[in-house]
Amino acid sequence: QYIIPAKASAKISFRLVPGQDPEDIYQKLDKALKDMVPEGCEISLKKIDAAFPVMVDKNSSFADKLKNGLKNVFGKEAVWYREGGSIAVVSDFKKITPNVFMVGFGSPDDNIHAPNEKLNLEDFLREIKFSSLVIEELSK
């Protein structure tokens, strides 16, 4: 015997890139899923949140201050790379100022957002030192 559930649910999250509109992506997903629904089944989508993607300028004077702070803390040049994330307020901040950056201080084994998430004390202390250096530079 088999048990067939009466309902199923899923949470879907997208990482958008510059040029994509969250409402457009939502509408395309809605249509694609509804086009695939088998006869006798129903589907409904509920949008929980949406935000425009953000791309930062790593060649700005603000970025230079961050690079200097990172070099001071780590003793070597910063390596810039693109990474996706979903922090909606970042796109709101970007509307106010172009000087929006996210700088991570975690280690690859920190298991971010997992039940056993951690942050090494050394990384935490480096972040405090970095923040104080950048605030001091920005105040000049």
C-alpha atoms as a PDB file:
ATOM      1  CA  GLN A   1       0.000   0.000   0.000  1.00  0.00           C
ATOM      2  CA  TYR A   2       1.054   3.539  -0.680  1.00  0.00           C
ATOM      3  CA  ILE A   3       0.139   6.724   1.095  1.00  0.00           C
ATOM      4  CA  ILE A   4      -0.353   9.710  -1.174  1.00  0.00           C
ATOM      5  CA  PRO A   5      -0.233  13.018   0.699  1.00  0.00           C
ATOM      6  CA  ALA A   6      -3.127  15.406   0.136  1.00  0.00           C
ATOM      7  CA  LYS A   7      -0.835  18.441   0.205  1.00  0.00           C
ATOM      8  CA  ALA A   8       2.774  19.295  -0.449  1.00  0.00           C
ATOM      9  CA  SER A   9       4.668  22.527  -0.015  1.00  0.00           C
ATOM     10  CA  ALA A  10       8.048  23.953  -0.938  1.00  0.00           C
ATOM     11  CA  LYS A  11       9.977  27.133  -0.319  1.00  0.00           C
ATOM     12  CA  ILE A  12      11.763  28.466  -3.386  1.00  0.00           C
ATOM     13  CA  SER A  13      14.403  31.169  -3.256  1.00  0.00           C
ATOM     14  CA  PHE A  14      16.148  32.855  -6.177  1.00  0.00           C
ATOM     15  CA  ARG A  15      19.443  34.707  -6.315  1.00  0.00           C
ATOM     16  CA  LEU A  16      18.979  37.393  -8.937  1.00  0.00           C
ATOM     17  CA  VAL A  17      21.692  39.068 -10.972  1.00  0.00           C
ATOM     18  CA  PRO A  18      21.846  42.698 -12.132  1.00  0.00           C
ATOM     19  CA  GLY A  19      19.202  43.412 -14.751  1.00  0.00           C
ATOM     20  CA  GLN A  20      16.648  40.966 -13.352  1.00  0.00           C
ATOM     21  CA  ASP A  21      13.368  42.220 -11.898  1.00  0.00           C
ATOM     22  CA  PRO A  22      12.043  40.176  -8.957  1.00  0.00           C
ATOM     23  CA  GLU A  23       8.401  40.642 -10.032  1.00  0.00           C
ATOM     24  CA  ASP A  24       9.187  39.457 -13.563  1.00  0.00           C
ATOM     25  CA  ILE A  25      10.960  36.362 -12.211  1.00  0.00           C
ATOM     26  CA  TYR A  26       8.035  35.644  -9.875  1.00  0.00           C
ATOM     27  CA  GLN A  27       5.517  35.894 -12.737  1.00  0.00           C
ATOM     28  CA  LYS A  28       7.633  33.576 -14.916  1.00  0.00           C
ATOM     29  CA  LEU A  29       7.884  31.018 -12.111  1.00  0.00           C
ATOM     30  CA  ASP A  30       4.136  31.228 -11.488  1.00  0.00           C
ATOM     31  CA  LYS A  31       3.369  30.584 -15.160  1.00  0.00           C
ATOM     32  CA  ALA A  32       5.935  27.780 -15.513  1.00  0.00           C
ATOM     33  CA  LEU A  33       4.636  25.917 -12.458  1.00  0.00           C
ATOM     34  CA  LYS A  34       0.983  26.334 -13.423  1.00  0.00           C
ATOM     35  CA  ASP A  35       1.767  25.041 -16.921  1.00  0.00           C
ATOM     36  CA  MET A  36       3.206  21.838 -15.370  1.00  0.00           C
ATOM     37  CA  VAL A  37       0.370  21.037 -12.957  1.00  0.00           C
ATOM     38  CA  PRO A  38      -1.184  17.655 -13.769  1.00  0.00           C
ATOM     39  CA  GLU A  39      -4.921  17.375 -14.317  1.00  0.00           C
ATOM     40  CA  GLY A  40      -6.810  17.077 -11.047  1.00  0.00           C
ATOM     41  CA  CYS A  41      -4.163  18.945  -9.060  1.00  0.00           C
ATOM     42  CA  GLU A  42      -4.019  22.536  -7.915  1.00  0.00           C
ATOM     43  CA  ILE A  43      -1.104  24.842  -7.227  1.00  0.00           C
ATOM     44  CA  SER A  44      -0.829  28.199  -5.545  1.00  0.00           C
ATOM     45  CA  LEU A  45       2.125  30.479  -4.991  1.00  0.00           C
ATOM     46  CA  LYS A  46       2.629  32.940  -2.188  1.00  0.00           C
ATOM     47  CA  LYS A  47       5.354  35.547  -2.559  1.00  0.00           C
ATOM     48  CA  ILE A  48       6.935  36.195   0.834  1.00  0.00           C
ATOM     49  CA  ASP A  49       9.590  38.725  -0.083  1.00  0.00           C
ATOM     50  CA  ALA A  50      11.397  40.213  -3.060  1.00  0.00           C
ATOM     51  CA  ALA A  51      14.366  42.476  -3.604  1.00  0.00           C
ATOM     52  CA  PHE A  52      16.316  43.787  -6.538  1.00  0.00           C
ATOM     53  CA  PRO A  53      19.861  42.473  -7.002  1.00  0.00           C
ATOM     54  CA  VAL A  54      22.789  44.643  -5.971  1.00  0.00           C
ATOM     55  CA  MET A  55      26.192  44.961  -7.607  1.00  0.00           C
ATOM     56  CA  VAL A  56      28.798  46.991  -5.778  1.00  0.00           C
ATOM     57  CA  ASP A  57      31.652  49.030  -7.264  1.00  0.00           C
ATOM     58  CA  LYS A  58      34.882  47.495  -6.047  1.00  0.00           C
ATOM     59  CA  ASN A  59      36.869  50.325  -7.677  1.00  0.00           C
ATOM     60  CA  SER A  60      35.403  53.188  -5.629  1.00  0.00           C
ATOM     61  CA  SER A  61      37.183  55.281  -2.994  1.00  0.00           C
ATOM     62  CA  PHE A  62      34.920  53.644  -0.412  1.00  0.00           C
ATOM     63  CA  ALA A  63      36.105  50.211  -1.561  1.00  0.00           C
ATOM     64  CA  ASP A  64      39.693  51.431  -1.238  1.00  0.00           C
ATOM     65  CA  LYS A  65      39.080  52.195   2.452  1.00  0.00           C
ATOM     66  CA  LEU A  66      37.696  48.689   2.928  1.00  0.00           C
ATOM     67  CA  LYS A  67      40.680  47.177   1.103  1.00  0.00           C
ATOM     68  CA  ASN A  68      43.079  49.126   3.349  1.00  0.00           C
ATOM     69  CA  GLY A  69      41.238  47.977   6.467  1.00  0.00           C
ATOM     70  CA  LEU A  70      41.328  44.352   5.331  1.00  0.00           C
ATOM     71  CA  LYS A  71      45.026  44.580   4.496  1.00  0.00           C
ATOM     72  CA  ASN A  72      45.706  46.043   7.940  1.00  0.00           C
ATOM     73  CA  VAL A  73      43.791  43.225   9.660  1.00  0.00           C
ATOM     74  CA  PHE A  74      44.959  40.272   7.547  1.00  0.00           C
ATOM     75  CA  GLY A  75      48.350  41.510   6.353  1.00  0.00           C
ATOM     76  CA  LYS A  76      47.572  40.830   2.674  1.00  0.00           C
ATOM     77  CA  GLU A  77      45.525  42.226  -0.187  1.00  0.00           C
ATOM     78  CA  ALA A  78      41.796  41.531  -0.228  1.00  0.00           C
ATOM     79  CA  VAL A  79      40.415  39.141  -2.825  1.00  0.00           C
ATOM     80  CA  TRP A  80      37.112  40.374  -4.263  1.00  0.00           C
ATOM     81  CA  TYR A  81      34.642  37.849  -5.585  1.00  0.00           C
ATOM     82  CA  ARG A  82      30.954  37.790  -6.386  1.00  0.00           C
ATOM     83  CA  GLU A  83      28.637  35.856  -4.152  1.00  0.00           C
ATOM     84  CA  GLY A  84      24.873  35.557  -4.051  1.00  0.00           C
ATOM     85  CA  GLY A  85      22.812  36.272  -0.993  1.00  0.00           C
ATOM     86  CA  SER A  86      19.363  37.321   0.081  1.00  0.00           C
ATOM     87  CA  ILE A  87      19.481  40.291   2.360  1.00  0.00           C
ATOM     88  CA  ALA A  88      16.691  42.462   0.987  1.00  0.00           C
ATOM     89  CA  VAL A  89      17.643  45.587   2.921  1.00  0.00           C
ATOM     90  CA  VAL A  90      20.915  45.813   0.949  1.00  0.00           C
ATOM     91  CA  SER A  91      18.990  46.909  -2.174  1.00  0.00           C
ATOM     92  CA  ASP A  92      17.208  49.526  -0.041  1.00  0.00           C
ATOM     93  CA  PHE A  93      20.548  50.837   1.252  1.00  0.00           C
ATOM     94  CA  LYS A  94      21.860  50.949  -2.318  1.00  0.00           C
ATOM     95  CA  LYS A  95      19.049  53.405  -3.179  1.00  0.00           C
ATOM     96  CA  ILE A  96      20.409  55.755  -0.496  1.00  0.00           C
ATOM     97  CA  THR A  97      24.141  55.438  -1.197  1.00  0.00           C
ATOM     98  CA  PRO A  98      26.376  53.628  -3.680  1.00  0.00           C
ATOM     99  CA  ASN A  99      28.698  52.800  -0.765  1.00  0.00           C
ATOM    100  CA  VAL A 100      27.185  49.465   0.188  1.00  0.00           C
ATOM    101  CA  PHE A 101      29.428  46.478   0.768  1.00  0.00           C
ATOM    102  CA  MET A 102      29.179  43.197   2.578  1.00  0.00           C
ATOM    103  CA  VAL A 103      32.410  41.881   4.035  1.00  0.00           C
ATOM    104  CA  GLY A 104      32.435  38.369   5.431  1.00  0.00           C
ATOM    105  CA  PHE A 105      34.740  37.175   8.156  1.00  0.00           C
ATOM    106  CA  GLY A 106      33.665  33.568   8.389  1.00  0.00           C
ATOM    107  CA  SER A 107      35.554  30.408   7.600  1.00  0.00           C
ATOM    108  CA  PRO A 108      34.421  27.803   5.055  1.00  0.00           C
ATOM    109  CA  ASP A 109      33.493  25.393   7.854  1.00  0.00           C
ATOM    110  CA  ASP A 110      31.205  27.851   9.719  1.00  0.00           C
ATOM    111  CA  ASN A 111      28.070  26.177   8.279  1.00  0.00           C
ATOM    112  CA  ILE A 112      26.218  29.473   7.953  1.00  0.00           C
ATOM    113  CA  HIS A 113      22.471  29.108   8.702  1.00  0.00           C
ATOM    114  CA  ALA A 114      22.869  25.441   9.631  1.00  0.00           C
ATOM    115  CA  PRO A 115      21.870  24.055  13.049  1.00  0.00           C
ATOM    116  CA  ASN A 116      25.558  23.840  13.985  1.00  0.00           C
ATOM    117  CA  GLU A 117      26.514  27.307  12.691  1.00  0.00           C
ATOM    118  CA  LYS A 118      29.583  28.839  14.320  1.00  0.00           C
ATOM    119  CA  LEU A 119      31.944  31.791  14.112  1.00  0.00           C
ATOM    120  CA  ASN A 120      35.523  31.533  15.302  1.00  0.00           C
ATOM    121  CA  LEU A 121      36.427  34.005  18.053  1.00  0.00           C
ATOM    122  CA  GLU A 122      39.513  35.071  16.057  1.00  0.00           C
ATOM    123  CA  ASP A 123      37.295  35.995  13.057  1.00  0.00           C
ATOM    124  CA  PHE A 124      34.933  37.906  15.339  1.00  0.00           C
ATOM    125  CA  LEU A 125      37.812  39.913  16.820  1.00  0.00           C
ATOM    126  CA  ARG A 126      39.211  40.609  13.330  1.00  0.00           C
ATOM    127  CA  GLU A 127      35.827  41.982  12.279  1.00  0.00           C
ATOM    128  CA  ILE A 128      35.761  44.330  15.269  1.00  0.00           C
ATOM    129  CA  LYS A 129      39.254  45.608  14.434  1.00  0.00           C
ATOM    130  CA  PHE A 130      38.324  45.989  10.744  1.00  0.00           C
ATOM    131  CA  SER A 131      35.127  47.900  11.551  1.00  0.00           C
ATOM    132  CA  SER A 132      36.937  50.290  13.851  1.00  0.00           C
ATOM    133  CA  LEU A 133      39.646  50.947  11.236  1.00  0.00           C
ATOM    134  CA  VAL A 134      37.078  51.629   8.499  1.00  0.00           C
ATOM    135  CA  ILE A 135      35.004  53.910  10.729  1.00  0.00           C
ATOM    136  CA  GLU A 136      38.151  55.838  11.600  1.00  0.00           C
ATOM    137  CA  GLU A 137      39.105  56.142   7.891  1.00  0.00           C
ATOM    138  CA  LEU A 138      35.615  57.293   6.948  1.00  0.00           C
ATOM    139  CA  SER A 139      35.666  59.968   9.629  1.00  0.00           C
ATOM    140  CA  LYS A 140      38.709  61.670   8.035  1.00  0.00           C
END
